[in-house]
Structures are given as structure tokens and as C-alpha cells.
Amino acid sequence: MSPKPIPLPQFTSTLIARFCRHLKRRGSCLLWQGTCHRCGYGYFRVRGKRYRTHRIVYFLTRGIDPGNLDVCHTCDCPGCCEPSHLFLGTQADNNHDMVRKRRNKSIPHPCPQPGVINGNAKLTDAAVRIIRTSTESNVALARQYGVSDMIISLVKRHKRWTHIT
């Protein structure tokens, strides 16, 4: 069972402007480019509290606080904040949608935001190819690309950026 969501804060024009700076259009999706949870859902901090970005967008565009309902995605992209891709549903509705679209855990699902499509990515597809063929140390490569040596190690072992061969 999901924890009860925190009631949404009062949104001033300044707060809305700060929020909107983190949105970027990619195809039909409006992707969150700010901080994301490891599962891909964006979140936005207001006075020290974290709010899921798609819930904020639903509230700002429809004037309805989702409360205990889930804000679901028709596009199945957790980082998407496109208002037309969002709909309200119960946890059961969301689970039925997941099974219907074959996204349940027993069926592998590729990351909806691989590589450079992810706004937080520091590497490019070309950089990944270079890293995988390089004989330089992981520490040297990490310094060169502005990432940690652990990320370099994961890239070299095909544990990250798996869509690049």
C-alpha cells in the first residue's frame, strides 16, 4: 500500500516559474529534468518537503488535488509531466493498467528514459562507446567525463547504458 501523499502546498507564481524551469519537451512527453527518484519519478522540493512532479502538474492544470488517488501515466514514462498523459486512478486501476500493458515485474521492461533521453544524463552514446573501448583507468575517465569511477565501471561492464552495444 502506498503511503498517504502529503497535501500539495500553495503554489505562487514564483514557485510555478521555478517548477517549470525543470520541464523539457521530448516528443509527445514533457519530461522532468530536475531531481528524480531511482524509479524515474521526478520530485520537487517545497519548504523541505518532496512532492511528485506529475501530481503537481495534475493539480496545476486541472485544479484538482489527487489526494489518495494515483496519478497514472498513459505513456508509461515515470518522468513525464505532460498533462494530457496523466489520469487519476486507484492503486487497483494502476495495477490493472500495468498488467494489461505487460509491465508487471515478471515481464522485463526497458527503462523508459535510457541514456541521453534522461535529462540527468552526463554521458552521451558516443562517450559510452569510447569509455567501453578505452584502456585508461576508471578514475581518469571519471574525471574526464564528470562522473564517478563507479559509473565508469558500470558502463564498462554493460550494467548501465545497456541499450548501447
C-alpha atoms as a PDB file:
ATOM      1  CA  MET A   1       0.000   0.000   0.000  1.00  0.00           C
ATOM      2  CA  SER A   2       1.313   3.462  -0.905  1.00  0.00           C
ATOM      3  CA  PRO A   3       1.928   5.952   1.884  1.00  0.00           C
ATOM      4  CA  LYS A   4      -0.633   8.724   2.179  1.00  0.00           C
ATOM      5  CA  PRO A   5       0.539  11.623  -0.028  1.00  0.00           C
ATOM      6  CA  ILE A   6       1.442  14.938   1.553  1.00  0.00           C
ATOM      7  CA  PRO A   7      -1.174  17.613   0.741  1.00  0.00           C
ATOM      8  CA  LEU A   8       0.100  19.881  -2.013  1.00  0.00           C
ATOM      9  CA  PRO A   9       1.413  23.322  -0.975  1.00  0.00           C
ATOM     10  CA  GLN A  10       0.113  26.710  -2.077  1.00  0.00           C
ATOM     11  CA  PHE A  11       1.693  27.489  -5.464  1.00  0.00           C
ATOM     12  CA  THR A  12       2.715  31.100  -6.032  1.00  0.00           C
ATOM     13  CA  SER A  13       3.710  32.405  -9.463  1.00  0.00           C
ATOM     14  CA  THR A  14       7.366  32.350  -8.339  1.00  0.00           C
ATOM     15  CA  LEU A  15       7.105  28.718  -7.253  1.00  0.00           C
ATOM     16  CA  ILE A  16       5.371  27.755 -10.513  1.00  0.00           C
ATOM     17  CA  ALA A  17       8.114  29.501 -12.528  1.00  0.00           C
ATOM     18  CA  ARG A  18      10.798  27.642 -10.536  1.00  0.00           C
ATOM     19  CA  PHE A  19       8.975  24.366 -11.197  1.00  0.00           C
ATOM     20  CA  CYS A  20       8.523  24.982 -14.941  1.00  0.00           C
ATOM     21  CA  ARG A  21      12.253  25.624 -15.459  1.00  0.00           C
ATOM     22  CA  HIS A  22      12.769  21.871 -14.952  1.00  0.00           C
ATOM     23  CA  LEU A  23      10.436  20.731 -17.752  1.00  0.00           C
ATOM     24  CA  LYS A  24      11.611  19.891 -21.270  1.00  0.00           C
ATOM     25  CA  ARG A  25       9.650  18.643 -24.277  1.00  0.00           C
ATOM     26  CA  ARG A  26      10.776  15.264 -25.720  1.00  0.00           C
ATOM     27  CA  GLY A  27       8.465  14.002 -28.425  1.00  0.00           C
ATOM     28  CA  SER A  28       4.958  13.889 -27.021  1.00  0.00           C
ATOM     29  CA  CYS A  29       6.207  13.851 -23.397  1.00  0.00           C
ATOM     30  CA  LEU A  30       7.042  16.796 -21.182  1.00  0.00           C
ATOM     31  CA  LEU A  31       9.925  15.379 -19.138  1.00  0.00           C
ATOM     32  CA  TRP A  32      11.049  16.408 -15.693  1.00  0.00           C
ATOM     33  CA  GLN A  33      14.728  17.436 -15.809  1.00  0.00           C
ATOM     34  CA  GLY A  34      15.183  18.004 -12.090  1.00  0.00           C
ATOM     35  CA  THR A  35      15.777  15.559  -9.263  1.00  0.00           C
ATOM     36  CA  CYS A  36      14.357  12.081  -9.775  1.00  0.00           C
ATOM     37  CA  HIS A  37      13.790   9.081  -7.550  1.00  0.00           C
ATOM     38  CA  ARG A  38      15.705   5.974  -8.637  1.00  0.00           C
ATOM     39  CA  CYS A  39      12.497   4.570 -10.157  1.00  0.00           C
ATOM     40  CA  GLY A  40      12.316   7.557 -12.513  1.00  0.00           C
ATOM     41  CA  TYR A  41       9.594   9.679 -10.912  1.00  0.00           C
ATOM     42  CA  GLY A  42      10.516  13.324 -10.591  1.00  0.00           C
ATOM     43  CA  TYR A  43      10.146  15.215  -7.369  1.00  0.00           C
ATOM     44  CA  PHE A  44      10.159  18.870  -6.430  1.00  0.00           C
ATOM     45  CA  ARG A  45      11.002  20.278  -3.015  1.00  0.00           C
ATOM     46  CA  VAL A  46       8.913  22.982  -1.407  1.00  0.00           C
ATOM     47  CA  ARG A  47       9.880  24.149   2.070  1.00  0.00           C
ATOM     48  CA  GLY A  48      11.824  20.931   2.714  1.00  0.00           C
ATOM     49  CA  LYS A  49       9.064  18.544   1.596  1.00  0.00           C
ATOM     50  CA  ARG A  50       9.193  16.415  -1.558  1.00  0.00           C
ATOM     51  CA  TYR A  51       6.266  16.255  -3.954  1.00  0.00           C
ATOM     52  CA  ARG A  52       5.974  14.032  -7.027  1.00  0.00           C
ATOM     53  CA  THR A  53       6.071  16.227 -10.107  1.00  0.00           C
ATOM     54  CA  HIS A  54       3.290  14.535 -12.063  1.00  0.00           C
ATOM     55  CA  ARG A  55       0.953  15.071  -9.075  1.00  0.00           C
ATOM     56  CA  ILE A  56       1.872  18.769  -9.057  1.00  0.00           C
ATOM     57  CA  VAL A  57       1.191  19.095 -12.793  1.00  0.00           C
ATOM     58  CA  TYR A  58      -2.146  17.341 -12.430  1.00  0.00           C
ATOM     59  CA  PHE A  59      -3.098  19.795  -9.686  1.00  0.00           C
ATOM     60  CA  LEU A  60      -1.826  22.889 -11.536  1.00  0.00           C
ATOM     61  CA  THR A  61      -3.514  22.037 -14.836  1.00  0.00           C
ATOM     62  CA  ARG A  62      -6.796  20.624 -13.569  1.00  0.00           C
ATOM     63  CA  GLY A  63      -7.207  22.368 -10.227  1.00  0.00           C
ATOM     64  CA  ILE A  64      -7.784  19.015  -8.511  1.00  0.00           C
ATOM     65  CA  ASP A  65      -5.597  17.728  -5.686  1.00  0.00           C
ATOM     66  CA  PRO A  66      -5.284  13.971  -6.391  1.00  0.00           C
ATOM     67  CA  GLY A  67      -5.442  13.221  -2.674  1.00  0.00           C
ATOM     68  CA  ASN A  68      -5.301   9.452  -2.104  1.00  0.00           C
ATOM     69  CA  LEU A  69      -5.689   8.602  -5.789  1.00  0.00           C
ATOM     70  CA  ASP A  70      -2.751   7.698  -8.020  1.00  0.00           C
ATOM     71  CA  VAL A  71      -1.816   9.968 -10.901  1.00  0.00           C
ATOM     72  CA  CYS A  72      -1.203   7.435 -13.671  1.00  0.00           C
ATOM     73  CA  HIS A  73       0.613   7.826 -17.000  1.00  0.00           C
ATOM     74  CA  THR A  74      -0.864   6.762 -20.334  1.00  0.00           C
ATOM     75  CA  CYS A  75       2.674   6.902 -21.796  1.00  0.00           C
ATOM     76  CA  ASP A  76       4.178   4.705 -19.039  1.00  0.00           C
ATOM     77  CA  CYS A  77       7.079   7.134 -18.616  1.00  0.00           C
ATOM     78  CA  PRO A  78       7.554   7.919 -14.897  1.00  0.00           C
ATOM     79  CA  GLY A  79       9.368  11.199 -15.648  1.00  0.00           C
ATOM     80  CA  CYS A  80       6.573  12.517 -17.871  1.00  0.00           C
ATOM     81  CA  CYS A  81       4.607  15.558 -16.739  1.00  0.00           C
ATOM     82  CA  GLU A  82       2.561  16.082 -19.920  1.00  0.00           C
ATOM     83  CA  PRO A  83      -0.935  16.928 -18.608  1.00  0.00           C
ATOM     84  CA  SER A  84      -2.685  15.042 -21.420  1.00  0.00           C
ATOM     85  CA  HIS A  85      -0.788  11.855 -20.437  1.00  0.00           C
ATOM     86  CA  LEU A  86      -1.978  11.937 -16.817  1.00  0.00           C
ATOM     87  CA  PHE A  87      -5.144  10.452 -15.368  1.00  0.00           C
ATOM     88  CA  LEU A  88      -6.445   9.657 -11.899  1.00  0.00           C
ATOM     89  CA  GLY A  89      -6.996   6.111 -10.759  1.00  0.00           C
ATOM     90  CA  THR A  90      -6.937   3.869  -7.738  1.00  0.00           C
ATOM     91  CA  GLN A  91      -3.997   1.608  -6.937  1.00  0.00           C
ATOM     92  CA  ALA A  92      -6.067  -1.261  -8.374  1.00  0.00           C
ATOM     93  CA  ASP A  93      -6.653   0.715 -11.613  1.00  0.00           C
ATOM     94  CA  ASN A  94      -2.921   1.341 -11.897  1.00  0.00           C
ATOM     95  CA  ASN A  95      -2.145  -2.358 -11.289  1.00  0.00           C
ATOM     96  CA  HIS A  96      -4.674  -3.470 -13.921  1.00  0.00           C
ATOM     97  CA  ASP A  97      -3.130  -0.994 -16.384  1.00  0.00           C
ATOM     98  CA  MET A  98       0.333  -2.394 -15.599  1.00  0.00           C
ATOM     99  CA  VAL A  99      -0.745  -5.997 -16.250  1.00  0.00           C
ATOM    100  CA  ARG A 100      -2.734  -5.053 -19.374  1.00  0.00           C
ATOM    101  CA  LYS A 101       0.349  -3.330 -20.818  1.00  0.00           C
ATOM    102  CA  ARG A 102       2.627  -6.190 -19.715  1.00  0.00           C
ATOM    103  CA  ARG A 103       4.716  -4.018 -17.384  1.00  0.00           C
ATOM    104  CA  ASN A 104       4.497  -6.266 -14.329  1.00  0.00           C
ATOM    105  CA  LYS A 105       7.753  -7.390 -12.720  1.00  0.00           C
ATOM    106  CA  SER A 106       7.645 -10.872 -14.222  1.00  0.00           C
ATOM    107  CA  ILE A 107       7.994  -9.331 -17.692  1.00  0.00           C
ATOM    108  CA  PRO A 108      11.182  -7.339 -18.328  1.00  0.00           C
ATOM    109  CA  HIS A 109      10.540  -3.693 -19.102  1.00  0.00           C
ATOM    110  CA  PRO A 110      13.236  -1.480 -20.594  1.00  0.00           C
ATOM    111  CA  CYS A 111      13.941   1.811 -18.858  1.00  0.00           C
ATOM    112  CA  PRO A 112      11.586   4.417 -20.341  1.00  0.00           C
ATOM    113  CA  GLN A 113      14.330   7.040 -20.262  1.00  0.00           C
ATOM    114  CA  PRO A 114      17.580   5.412 -21.368  1.00  0.00           C
ATOM    115  CA  GLY A 115      20.747   7.346 -21.995  1.00  0.00           C
ATOM    116  CA  VAL A 116      20.635  10.906 -23.233  1.00  0.00           C
ATOM    117  CA  ILE A 117      16.823  10.936 -23.212  1.00  0.00           C
ATOM    118  CA  ASN A 118      17.203  11.106 -19.431  1.00  0.00           C
ATOM    119  CA  GLY A 119      17.707  14.798 -18.654  1.00  0.00           C
ATOM    120  CA  ASN A 120      20.068  13.945 -15.804  1.00  0.00           C
ATOM    121  CA  ALA A 121      22.488  12.019 -18.055  1.00  0.00           C
ATOM    122  CA  LYS A 122      26.054  13.306 -18.126  1.00  0.00           C
ATOM    123  CA  LEU A 123      27.255  10.849 -20.749  1.00  0.00           C
ATOM    124  CA  THR A 124      26.362  10.607 -24.409  1.00  0.00           C
ATOM    125  CA  ASP A 125      26.018   7.475 -26.526  1.00  0.00           C
ATOM    126  CA  ALA A 126      29.354   8.323 -28.182  1.00  0.00           C
ATOM    127  CA  ALA A 127      31.070   8.793 -24.802  1.00  0.00           C
ATOM    128  CA  VAL A 128      29.810   5.378 -23.663  1.00  0.00           C
ATOM    129  CA  ARG A 129      31.292   3.738 -26.741  1.00  0.00           C
ATOM    130  CA  ILE A 130      34.639   5.472 -26.103  1.00  0.00           C
ATOM    131  CA  ILE A 131      34.607   4.503 -22.407  1.00  0.00           C
ATOM    132  CA  ARG A 132      33.962   0.853 -23.260  1.00  0.00           C
ATOM    133  CA  THR A 133      36.959   0.680 -25.593  1.00  0.00           C
ATOM    134  CA  SER A 134      39.317   2.855 -23.533  1.00  0.00           C
ATOM    135  CA  THR A 135      42.363   1.482 -21.717  1.00  0.00           C
ATOM    136  CA  GLU A 136      42.524   4.492 -19.380  1.00  0.00           C
ATOM    137  CA  SER A 137      41.788   3.958 -15.696  1.00  0.00           C
ATOM    138  CA  ASN A 138      38.245   4.357 -14.412  1.00  0.00           C
ATOM    139  CA  VAL A 139      39.391   7.274 -12.235  1.00  0.00           C
ATOM    140  CA  ALA A 140      40.909   9.118 -15.232  1.00  0.00           C
ATOM    141  CA  LEU A 141      37.785   8.522 -17.328  1.00  0.00           C
ATOM    142  CA  ALA A 142      35.556   9.629 -14.453  1.00  0.00           C
ATOM    143  CA  ARG A 143      37.463  12.913 -14.173  1.00  0.00           C
ATOM    144  CA  GLN A 144      37.285  13.422 -17.933  1.00  0.00           C
ATOM    145  CA  TYR A 145      33.517  12.859 -18.155  1.00  0.00           C
ATOM    146  CA  GLY A 146      32.472  14.380 -14.814  1.00  0.00           C
ATOM    147  CA  VAL A 147      31.035  11.184 -13.332  1.00  0.00           C
ATOM    148  CA  SER A 148      32.147   8.794 -10.603  1.00  0.00           C
ATOM    149  CA  ASP A 149      34.549   5.951 -11.215  1.00  0.00           C
ATOM    150  CA  MET A 150      31.734   3.591 -10.156  1.00  0.00           C
ATOM    151  CA  ILE A 151      29.609   4.833 -13.074  1.00  0.00           C
ATOM    152  CA  ILE A 152      32.551   4.237 -15.424  1.00  0.00           C
ATOM    153  CA  SER A 153      32.888   0.705 -14.054  1.00  0.00           C
ATOM    154  CA  LEU A 154      29.165   0.031 -14.522  1.00  0.00           C
ATOM    155  CA  VAL A 155      29.275   1.382 -18.080  1.00  0.00           C
ATOM    156  CA  LYS A 156      32.301  -0.777 -18.947  1.00  0.00           C
ATOM    157  CA  ARG A 157      30.571  -3.894 -17.556  1.00  0.00           C
ATOM    158  CA  HIS A 158      27.360  -3.089 -19.500  1.00  0.00           C
ATOM    159  CA  LYS A 159      25.392  -2.654 -16.254  1.00  0.00           C
ATOM    160  CA  ARG A 160      24.484   0.941 -17.223  1.00  0.00           C
ATOM    161  CA  TRP A 161      23.681   2.319 -20.664  1.00  0.00           C
ATOM    162  CA  THR A 162      22.658  -1.204 -21.607  1.00  0.00           C
ATOM    163  CA  HIS A 163      20.942  -0.017 -24.770  1.00  0.00           C
ATOM    164  CA  ILE A 164      24.370   0.827 -26.265  1.00  0.00           C
ATOM    165  CA  THR A 165      26.211  -2.189 -27.721  1.00  0.00           C
END
